[in-house]
Amino acid sequence: MKDLVAQAERYRVRMQRKKEIVNAAIERANQEKGLLLIHTGNGKGKSSAAFGMIARALGHDMRVGVAQFIKGRSDTGEEAFLRYQPGVEWYVLGEGYTWDTQNLAQDIETAQRGWQLARTMLQNETINLVVFDELTYPICYGWLNLDQILIDLKNRPAMQHVIITGRNAPGTLCEIADTVTEFRNIKHAFYAGIKAQKGIDL
């Protein structure tokens, strides 16, 4: 019994210290600004995490813009649900994966045309959250000018949040970001021969 009492007291003291640390951190975090978030890495869930944040933003009556680069399909569950929600602008800017198109000139033109549309969202103060899904790929392939993208991101409305997803996010992009999360695979069903599943992958 004494051991349980002592254990409970140690736990209480530990949690009290933790509460003081957390409260102090919350007190220091007194700035408000539009955030730039990067979801990168080889793991599954980068886009899904961004789409989950769309649901969170809509719960706060925020307006959302989505620009999907590379992907050309319009039958995913997230698009079927989210693009028709009030306050959402959704654009599928790609024409399919590069191994499907197999046309370099076409892929470059598609990416550049897509960025021109994407820029309009960065200039729109009424859009609170912008998601650039798989933007890192046309950047890494050299189809888009990274310096121009950095300028456009810097010049966006002060309170506008932006999420960029995709593997191999460039270092200069990560440097200007407020939050960078790297997703990594521990295990993936696809590599065991299991095809993409509705509601999980699509």
Foldseek 3Di string as FASTA:
>chain_A
DVVVVVVVVVVVVVVVVVVVVVVVVVVVPPDAWAFEEEEAADAPDQVVVVLVVVVVCVVVVAAEEEEEAQQQDQPAPSNVPPCPDPRYHYYDQYNHHCVVVVDVVVSLVSLVVSVVVVLVLQADPRHAEYEYEANQVCVVVVSDDVVVVVVSNVPGPTRHYYYYYYYPRDPVSVVVGPYYDYHYDPDDVVVVVDDDDHPGRD
